[in-house]
Amino acid sequence: MNHLKIDLDKCVGCGKCAKMCLKNNIVIEDRKAKEVGTDCLECSHCVSSCPKGAIELLPRAKEDETMFSSIKKDKMFDGGMVSDKDLAELVESMTQGRKDRYEIFVLQGDELNSFMDTVWDVLKDKEATVPMVKEWGKWRDSHDVLQPNPVLWEGQQVLFIFSDSKQHALMASQRMVRKGLSLRIRGFHSNIIMSAYLFGRDKVLGYFPDSTKELQMAYVIGHARRLVEPVFKPMNKVKGLFDRL
């Protein structure tokens, strides 16, 4: 079953959609994007990343009315919070004591809820043009606690990497991946949060008054479910974001 409508006349084969796909469902063949997988999460990252507007999400079948049903079947997190001890180990592995190079922050609880309200405030005017924002708006309006948050999924903490260098941030995230394996911590880069930073920089930075560097990455994190491989999304997904920043 195809989930995407790709306008081949508009597609220039830049590959940004393939880099953004969390399920590796898009490939570039003959300089054109092609959907090859069947387990699309309908996250709309490919849609929002396409510089030519060549990708659309196809309407769902009647028997699949629930948005992100595939996410509910393959839940990433176990619902628990990463402990302060594990967070400290994770951050130490990322920075390696180089406080001059990195600033790491974690938002959770009420502070994270307030932050996500701010992210929504920044992006809500794009609800008509960005499907991911539209679905988030529907979720917010529904107040349905049984539906997964389409931005955080089941994550309850977000880790922010500030650095003067994108390359340094990438190195820190790679160390985070390796350390996360031993701590059973899983995560994914949030394109929505980084978009809010691009469009509402001052509002986002209001939550980090002590930061003196640039926000480079935002990771939704949590402990992996026992039956799910506890790894972060492949780093090539993160590298693909650099083309957009």
Protein backbone atom coordinates (compact mmCIF):
# COMPACT_ATOMS: atom_id res chain seq x y z
CA MET A 1 0.00 0.00 0.00
CA ASN A 2 1.42 3.37 -1.02
CA HIS A 3 1.22 6.17 1.52
CA LEU A 4 2.77 8.92 -0.59
CA LYS A 5 1.95 10.73 -3.80
CA ILE A 6 5.20 11.86 -5.41
CA ASP A 7 5.03 14.33 -8.28
CA LEU A 8 7.93 13.19 -10.47
CA ASP A 9 7.73 16.35 -12.56
CA LYS A 10 8.49 18.45 -9.47
CA CYS A 11 10.98 16.05 -7.87
CA VAL A 12 14.62 16.98 -8.49
CA GLY A 13 16.12 13.96 -6.73
CA CYS A 14 17.82 15.97 -3.97
CA GLY A 15 17.36 13.08 -1.51
CA LYS A 16 16.23 15.15 1.46
CA CYS A 17 13.04 13.10 1.84
CA ALA A 18 15.03 9.85 1.88
CA LYS A 19 17.35 11.22 4.56
CA MET A 20 14.41 12.32 6.69
CA CYS A 21 12.39 9.08 6.48
CA LEU A 22 12.48 7.33 9.86
CA LYS A 23 11.59 3.99 8.28
CA ASN A 24 13.93 4.17 5.24
CA ASN A 25 10.89 3.86 2.99
CA ILE A 26 12.13 6.31 0.35
CA VAL A 27 14.97 5.79 -2.11
CA ILE A 28 16.30 7.84 -5.00
CA GLU A 29 16.28 6.01 -8.32
CA ASP A 30 17.14 7.66 -11.62
CA ARG A 31 17.26 11.00 -9.80
CA LYS A 32 13.67 10.65 -8.60
CA ALA A 33 12.20 9.81 -5.18
CA LYS A 34 10.44 6.46 -4.90
CA GLU A 35 8.46 4.95 -2.02
CA VAL A 36 9.59 1.37 -1.38
CA GLY A 37 8.34 0.51 2.13
CA THR A 38 4.86 -0.29 3.42
CA ASP A 39 5.16 0.67 7.10
CA CYS A 40 4.94 4.47 6.73
CA LEU A 41 4.49 6.30 10.05
CA GLU A 42 2.71 9.21 8.34
CA CYS A 43 4.97 11.60 10.26
CA SER A 44 5.11 13.97 7.23
CA HIS A 45 8.83 14.62 7.67
CA CYS A 46 9.37 13.86 3.99
CA VAL A 47 6.56 16.24 3.02
CA SER A 48 7.93 19.13 5.07
CA SER A 49 11.53 18.53 3.96
CA CYS A 50 10.83 18.57 0.21
CA PRO A 51 12.00 21.93 -1.20
CA LYS A 52 9.80 21.53 -4.29
CA GLY A 53 6.55 20.47 -2.63
CA ALA A 54 6.59 17.25 -4.63
CA ILE A 55 5.30 14.90 -1.90
CA GLU A 56 1.82 14.51 -0.46
CA LEU A 57 0.36 12.04 2.01
CA LEU A 58 -2.38 9.93 0.43
CA PRO A 59 -5.75 9.73 2.24
CA ARG A 60 -5.99 6.78 4.61
CA ALA A 61 -8.29 3.86 3.92
CA LYS A 62 -11.49 3.68 5.97
CA GLU A 63 -10.21 0.66 7.87
CA ASP A 64 -7.16 2.66 8.93
CA GLU A 65 -8.71 5.82 10.32
CA THR A 66 -6.37 6.12 13.29
CA MET A 67 -3.36 8.34 12.65
CA PHE A 68 -0.03 6.78 13.57
CA SER A 69 -1.58 3.34 14.06
CA SER A 70 1.75 1.79 13.06
CA ILE A 71 3.45 3.71 15.84
CA LYS A 72 0.99 2.30 18.37
CA LYS A 73 1.87 -1.22 17.22
CA ASP A 74 5.59 -0.54 17.44
CA LYS A 75 5.86 1.72 20.46
CA MET A 76 9.31 3.12 20.99
CA PHE A 77 9.35 3.93 24.70
CA ASP A 78 8.30 2.01 27.82
CA GLY A 79 6.60 5.05 29.35
CA GLY A 80 9.21 5.54 32.07
CA MET A 81 11.47 8.52 32.62
CA VAL A 82 15.22 8.37 32.15
CA SER A 83 16.69 8.76 35.64
CA ASP A 84 18.88 11.69 36.67
CA LYS A 85 21.77 9.25 37.08
CA ASP A 86 21.42 7.89 33.55
CA LEU A 87 20.98 11.39 32.16
CA ALA A 88 24.18 12.50 33.89
CA GLU A 89 26.07 9.55 32.39
CA LEU A 90 24.63 10.27 28.96
CA VAL A 91 25.55 13.96 29.09
CA GLU A 92 29.05 13.23 30.39
CA SER A 93 29.66 10.81 27.53
CA MET A 94 28.49 13.45 25.06
CA THR A 95 30.53 16.39 26.32
CA GLN A 96 33.60 14.52 27.61
CA GLY A 97 34.13 17.40 30.00
CA ARG A 98 34.32 19.99 27.21
CA LYS A 99 31.94 22.54 28.72
CA ASP A 100 33.54 25.17 26.51
CA ARG A 101 32.27 23.29 23.47
CA TYR A 102 28.84 22.01 24.52
CA GLU A 103 25.76 22.98 26.48
CA ILE A 104 23.26 20.19 27.12
CA PHE A 105 19.77 20.77 28.51
CA VAL A 106 16.88 18.40 29.25
CA LEU A 107 13.24 19.48 29.53
CA GLN A 108 10.62 17.26 31.14
CA GLY A 109 7.35 17.40 33.06
CA ASP A 110 5.48 20.69 33.25
CA GLU A 111 8.42 22.57 31.76
CA LEU A 112 8.35 20.35 28.67
CA ASN A 113 4.58 20.73 28.38
CA SER A 114 4.96 24.51 28.47
CA PHE A 115 7.77 24.34 25.91
CA MET A 116 5.68 22.23 23.52
CA ASP A 117 2.84 24.74 23.85
CA THR A 118 5.33 27.38 22.74
CA VAL A 119 6.45 25.22 19.81
CA TRP A 120 2.80 24.90 18.79
CA ASP A 121 2.32 28.66 19.09
CA VAL A 122 5.26 29.19 16.71
CA LEU A 123 4.13 26.64 14.12
CA LYS A 124 0.33 26.71 14.27
CA ASP A 125 0.04 29.18 11.39
CA LYS A 126 1.62 26.49 9.18
CA GLU A 127 -1.17 24.02 9.96
CA ALA A 128 -2.66 24.40 6.49
CA THR A 129 0.60 23.74 4.64
CA VAL A 130 2.52 21.27 6.82
CA PRO A 131 0.65 17.96 7.34
CA MET A 132 2.60 17.11 10.49
CA VAL A 133 1.51 20.36 12.13
CA LYS A 134 -2.06 19.75 10.97
CA GLU A 135 -2.14 16.30 12.57
CA TRP A 136 -0.63 17.69 15.75
CA GLY A 137 -3.39 20.28 15.83
CA LYS A 138 -6.03 17.57 15.47
CA TRP A 139 -4.45 15.64 18.32
CA ARG A 140 -4.37 18.71 20.55
CA ASP A 141 -8.02 19.47 19.81
CA SER A 142 -9.16 15.89 20.41
CA HIS A 143 -7.81 15.63 23.98
CA ASP A 144 -7.68 11.87 23.37
CA VAL A 145 -5.17 10.42 25.83
CA LEU A 146 -5.34 7.06 24.06
CA GLN A 147 -3.82 8.52 20.91
CA PRO A 148 -0.03 8.99 20.79
CA ASN A 149 1.31 12.52 20.63
CA PRO A 150 2.39 12.79 16.96
CA VAL A 151 5.40 14.93 17.92
CA LEU A 152 6.74 13.28 21.08
CA TRP A 153 5.20 9.83 20.56
CA GLU A 154 5.48 8.46 24.12
CA GLY A 155 8.62 10.40 25.01
CA GLN A 156 8.51 12.45 28.20
CA GLN A 157 11.92 14.12 27.96
CA VAL A 158 13.70 16.14 25.29
CA LEU A 159 17.48 16.57 25.22
CA PHE A 160 18.88 19.69 23.54
CA ILE A 161 22.41 19.98 22.18
CA PHE A 162 23.82 23.51 21.98
CA SER A 163 27.17 24.09 20.32
CA ASP A 164 28.98 26.65 18.20
CA SER A 165 29.68 23.95 15.62
CA LYS A 166 27.30 21.56 13.87
CA GLN A 167 30.17 19.12 13.50
CA HIS A 168 30.81 19.15 17.24
CA ALA A 169 27.10 18.57 17.85
CA LEU A 170 27.18 15.61 15.48
CA MET A 171 30.16 14.14 17.33
CA ALA A 172 28.30 14.56 20.63
CA SER A 173 25.22 12.85 19.24
CA GLN A 174 27.32 9.94 17.98
CA ARG A 175 28.72 9.47 21.48
CA MET A 176 25.16 9.68 22.79
CA VAL A 177 24.18 6.79 20.53
CA ARG A 178 26.98 4.58 21.81
CA LYS A 179 26.28 5.36 25.46
CA GLY A 180 22.55 4.98 24.92
CA LEU A 181 23.06 1.35 23.96
CA SER A 182 24.41 0.44 27.38
CA LEU A 183 21.74 2.46 29.21
CA ARG A 184 18.82 1.14 27.11
CA ILE A 185 17.96 4.67 26.06
CA ARG A 186 16.34 5.26 22.70
CA GLY A 187 15.57 8.50 20.91
CA PHE A 188 14.84 10.34 17.70
CA HIS A 189 15.63 13.78 16.35
CA SER A 190 12.67 16.18 16.40
CA ASN A 191 12.26 17.99 13.12
CA ILE A 192 9.25 19.86 14.53
CA ILE A 193 11.22 21.35 17.44
CA MET A 194 14.06 22.41 15.16
CA SER A 195 11.53 24.00 12.79
CA ALA A 196 10.17 26.01 15.72
CA TYR A 197 13.73 27.15 16.43
CA LEU A 198 14.10 28.34 12.84
CA PHE A 199 10.81 30.25 12.82
CA GLY A 200 10.63 31.35 16.46
CA ARG A 201 14.19 31.47 17.70
CA ASP A 202 13.61 33.96 20.52
CA LYS A 203 10.60 32.08 21.89
CA VAL A 204 12.48 28.78 21.93
CA LEU A 205 15.60 30.28 23.49
CA GLY A 206 13.45 31.77 26.23
CA TYR A 207 13.56 28.34 27.86
CA PHE A 208 17.36 28.34 27.87
CA PRO A 209 18.36 31.74 29.30
CA ASP A 210 21.81 30.50 30.32
CA SER A 211 22.76 29.25 26.87
CA THR A 212 25.46 31.11 24.96
CA LYS A 213 25.61 28.79 21.95
CA GLU A 214 23.43 27.74 19.00
CA LEU A 215 20.80 25.02 19.26
CA GLN A 216 21.93 22.29 16.88
CA MET A 217 19.80 19.24 17.76
CA ALA A 218 16.76 18.25 19.81
CA TYR A 219 16.23 14.59 20.75
CA VAL A 220 13.09 13.05 22.21
CA ILE A 221 14.45 10.37 24.56
CA GLY A 222 13.22 7.56 26.78
CA HIS A 223 13.92 3.98 27.84
CA ALA A 224 13.31 1.52 25.03
CA ARG A 225 10.69 -1.18 25.31
CA ARG A 226 12.22 -4.57 25.99
CA LEU A 227 11.29 -5.96 22.58
CA VAL A 228 12.61 -2.94 20.70
CA GLU A 229 16.26 -2.56 19.80
CA PRO A 230 17.54 0.24 22.08
CA VAL A 231 19.27 2.42 19.54
CA PHE A 232 18.85 5.93 18.27
CA LYS A 233 17.74 6.57 14.73
CA PRO A 234 20.60 6.28 12.21
CA MET A 235 22.88 9.28 12.20
CA ASN A 236 22.42 9.82 8.47
CA LYS A 237 18.92 11.05 9.35
CA VAL A 238 20.48 13.74 11.50
CA LYS A 239 23.10 14.60 8.89
CA GLY A 240 20.30 15.16 6.41
CA LEU A 241 18.90 17.90 8.60
CA PHE A 242 22.07 19.95 8.23
CA ASP A 243 21.14 20.68 4.63
CA ARG A 244 18.06 22.49 5.91
CA LEU A 245 19.61 24.54 8.71
